N, C-alpha and C. Protein backbone atom coordinates (compact mmCIF):
# COMPACT_ATOMS: atom_id res chain seq x y z
N MET A 1 0.59 -1.05 0.23
CA MET A 1 0.18 -0.05 0.30
C MET A 1 0.52 1.18 0.02
N ASN A 2 0.27 2.00 -0.96
CA ASN A 2 1.13 3.39 -0.86
C ASN A 2 1.02 4.29 0.76
N ARG A 3 2.53 5.29 1.07
CA ARG A 3 2.67 5.96 2.21
C ARG A 3 1.12 6.80 2.01
N ARG A 4 0.95 7.47 1.24
CA ARG A 4 -0.06 8.42 1.24
C ARG A 4 -1.69 7.96 1.60
N THR A 5 -1.94 6.15 1.14
CA THR A 5 -3.33 5.87 1.65
C THR A 5 -3.01 5.58 3.00
N LEU A 6 -1.99 5.01 3.49
CA LEU A 6 -1.57 4.48 4.22
C LEU A 6 -1.28 6.05 6.14
N SER A 7 -0.93 7.15 5.13
CA SER A 7 -1.16 8.30 6.29
C SER A 7 -2.47 8.86 6.11
N PHE A 8 -3.00 8.68 5.14
CA PHE A 8 -4.87 9.08 5.22
C PHE A 8 -5.71 8.12 6.67
N ILE A 9 -5.61 6.52 6.34
CA ILE A 9 -5.85 6.24 7.79
C ILE A 9 -5.08 5.97 8.81
N ALA A 10 -4.02 6.68 8.80
CA ALA A 10 -3.37 6.81 10.29
C ALA A 10 -4.36 8.28 11.09
N LEU A 11 -4.32 9.54 9.85
CA LEU A 11 -5.03 10.20 9.88
C LEU A 11 -6.41 10.69 10.66
N ALA A 12 -7.23 9.54 9.77
CA ALA A 12 -8.56 9.00 10.22
C ALA A 12 -8.48 8.52 11.63
N ILE A 13 -7.67 7.39 11.90
CA ILE A 13 -7.93 6.97 13.16
C ILE A 13 -7.32 7.87 14.17
N SER A 14 -5.97 8.90 14.03
CA SER A 14 -6.15 9.74 14.93
C SER A 14 -7.65 10.42 15.21
N MET A 15 -8.11 11.34 14.58
CA MET A 15 -9.35 12.23 14.53
C MET A 15 -10.37 11.11 14.80
N PHE A 16 -10.79 9.93 14.94
CA PHE A 16 -11.35 9.45 15.44
C PHE A 16 -11.44 8.89 17.28
N TYR A 17 -9.86 9.28 17.28
CA TYR A 17 -9.61 9.02 18.73
C TYR A 17 -9.73 10.04 19.35
N GLY A 18 -9.54 11.12 19.01
CA GLY A 18 -9.76 12.67 19.97
C GLY A 18 -11.40 12.95 19.76
N VAL A 19 -12.10 12.23 18.90
CA VAL A 19 -13.30 12.80 18.78
C VAL A 19 -13.83 11.81 20.14
N GLY A 20 -13.33 10.69 20.26
CA GLY A 20 -13.93 9.47 21.19
C GLY A 20 -13.83 9.69 22.47
N PHE A 21 -12.80 11.10 22.57
CA PHE A 21 -12.75 11.69 24.28
C PHE A 21 -14.50 12.46 24.31
N VAL A 22 -15.07 12.87 23.49
CA VAL A 22 -16.08 13.54 23.91
C VAL A 22 -16.95 12.28 24.16
N VAL A 23 -16.87 11.05 23.55
CA VAL A 23 -18.18 9.95 24.07
C VAL A 23 -18.03 9.23 24.99
N ILE A 24 -16.69 8.96 25.34
CA ILE A 24 -16.02 8.38 26.49
C ILE A 24 -16.42 8.68 27.87
N PRO A 25 -17.10 8.10 29.11
CA PRO A 25 -17.54 8.87 29.98
C PRO A 25 -16.15 9.27 30.55
N ASP A 26 -16.25 10.25 31.65
CA ASP A 26 -14.72 10.60 32.62
C ASP A 26 -14.49 9.41 33.22
N GLY A 27 -14.99 8.23 33.76
CA GLY A 27 -14.82 7.05 34.54
C GLY A 27 -13.62 6.21 33.82
N SER A 28 -14.02 5.99 32.32
CA SER A 28 -13.61 5.57 31.62
C SER A 28 -12.16 5.86 30.55
N ARG A 29 -11.66 7.49 30.72
CA ARG A 29 -10.91 7.77 29.92
C ARG A 29 -9.55 7.29 29.81
N SER A 30 -9.05 7.18 31.12
CA SER A 30 -7.65 6.59 31.63
C SER A 30 -7.31 5.25 30.96
N GLY A 31 -8.65 4.44 30.71
CA GLY A 31 -7.81 3.20 29.82
C GLY A 31 -8.06 3.72 28.14
N TYR A 32 -9.00 4.25 27.93
CA TYR A 32 -9.08 4.87 26.77
C TYR A 32 -8.26 5.37 25.89
N ALA A 33 -7.19 6.75 27.02
CA ALA A 33 -6.12 7.28 26.51
C ALA A 33 -4.97 6.45 26.18
N VAL A 34 -4.73 5.19 26.96
CA VAL A 34 -3.56 4.32 26.86
C VAL A 34 -3.68 3.93 25.32
N ILE A 35 -5.00 3.03 25.85
CA ILE A 35 -5.22 2.13 24.22
C ILE A 35 -5.45 2.89 23.01
N GLY A 36 -5.75 4.09 23.54
CA GLY A 36 -5.79 4.99 22.07
C GLY A 36 -4.54 5.38 21.47
N ALA A 37 -3.93 5.71 22.55
CA ALA A 37 -2.53 6.44 22.22
C ALA A 37 -1.68 5.46 21.48
N VAL A 38 -1.52 4.06 22.10
CA VAL A 38 -0.76 2.87 21.25
C VAL A 38 -1.49 2.48 19.79
N VAL A 39 -2.80 2.62 19.56
CA VAL A 39 -3.39 2.25 18.58
C VAL A 39 -2.66 3.67 17.31
N VAL A 40 -3.03 4.70 17.88
CA VAL A 40 -2.56 5.85 17.03
C VAL A 40 -0.96 5.70 16.64
N ALA A 41 -0.47 5.96 17.74
CA ALA A 41 1.33 5.65 17.45
C ALA A 41 1.29 4.20 16.60
N LEU A 42 0.86 3.13 16.46
CA LEU A 42 0.99 1.98 15.85
C LEU A 42 0.59 2.44 14.39
N ALA A 43 -0.56 3.21 13.97
CA ALA A 43 -1.16 3.71 12.69
C ALA A 43 0.42 4.59 12.05
N TRP A 44 1.06 5.45 12.75
CA TRP A 44 1.38 6.68 12.67
C TRP A 44 3.07 5.47 12.06
N VAL A 45 3.40 4.39 12.60
CA VAL A 45 4.42 4.14 12.22
C VAL A 45 4.28 2.98 11.36
N ALA A 46 3.25 2.40 11.08
CA ALA A 46 3.01 1.67 10.06
C ALA A 46 3.23 2.51 8.76
N SER A 47 2.59 3.93 9.06
CA SER A 47 2.45 4.68 7.72
C SER A 47 3.52 5.08 7.31
N GLY A 48 4.32 5.06 8.20
CA GLY A 48 6.06 5.52 7.45
C GLY A 48 6.83 4.07 7.12
N ARG A 49 6.66 3.18 7.75
CA ARG A 49 7.89 1.91 8.22
C ARG A 49 7.66 1.07 6.78
N PHE A 50 5.81 1.14 6.72
CA PHE A 50 5.71 -0.07 5.38
C PHE A 50 4.63 0.43 4.24
N GLY A 51 5.07 1.87 4.48
CA GLY A 51 4.35 2.20 3.01
C GLY A 51 5.10 2.73 2.09
N LYS A 52 4.73 2.11 0.82
CA LYS A 52 5.70 2.39 -0.35
C LYS A 52 5.52 3.41 -0.73
N PRO A 53 6.94 4.45 -1.44
CA PRO A 53 7.16 5.72 -1.61
C PRO A 53 6.03 6.02 -2.71
N ASP A 54 5.59 7.26 -3.02
CA ASP A 54 4.42 7.20 -3.48
C ASP A 54 5.25 7.73 -5.00
N HIS A 55 6.96 7.87 -5.04
CA HIS A 55 6.88 7.92 -6.89
C HIS A 55 8.21 7.00 -6.56
N GLN A 56 8.55 6.72 -7.46
CA GLN A 56 10.36 6.13 -7.66
C GLN A 56 11.09 6.98 -8.22
N GLY A 57 12.45 6.94 -7.79
CA GLY A 57 13.50 7.94 -7.92
C GLY A 57 13.95 8.41 -7.26
């Protein structure tokens, strides 16, 4: 998959993570913060590590 597509997916995950803080009740936010941060970090690492360059050269 090219890097642009993976970056878009990582951006969408990051945005849903941020919006999730509005939906999640106050008592559950600490667990959500830790798990969500790991998922967001893995998405961005995957986009940089496994994404194919957009162009050859």
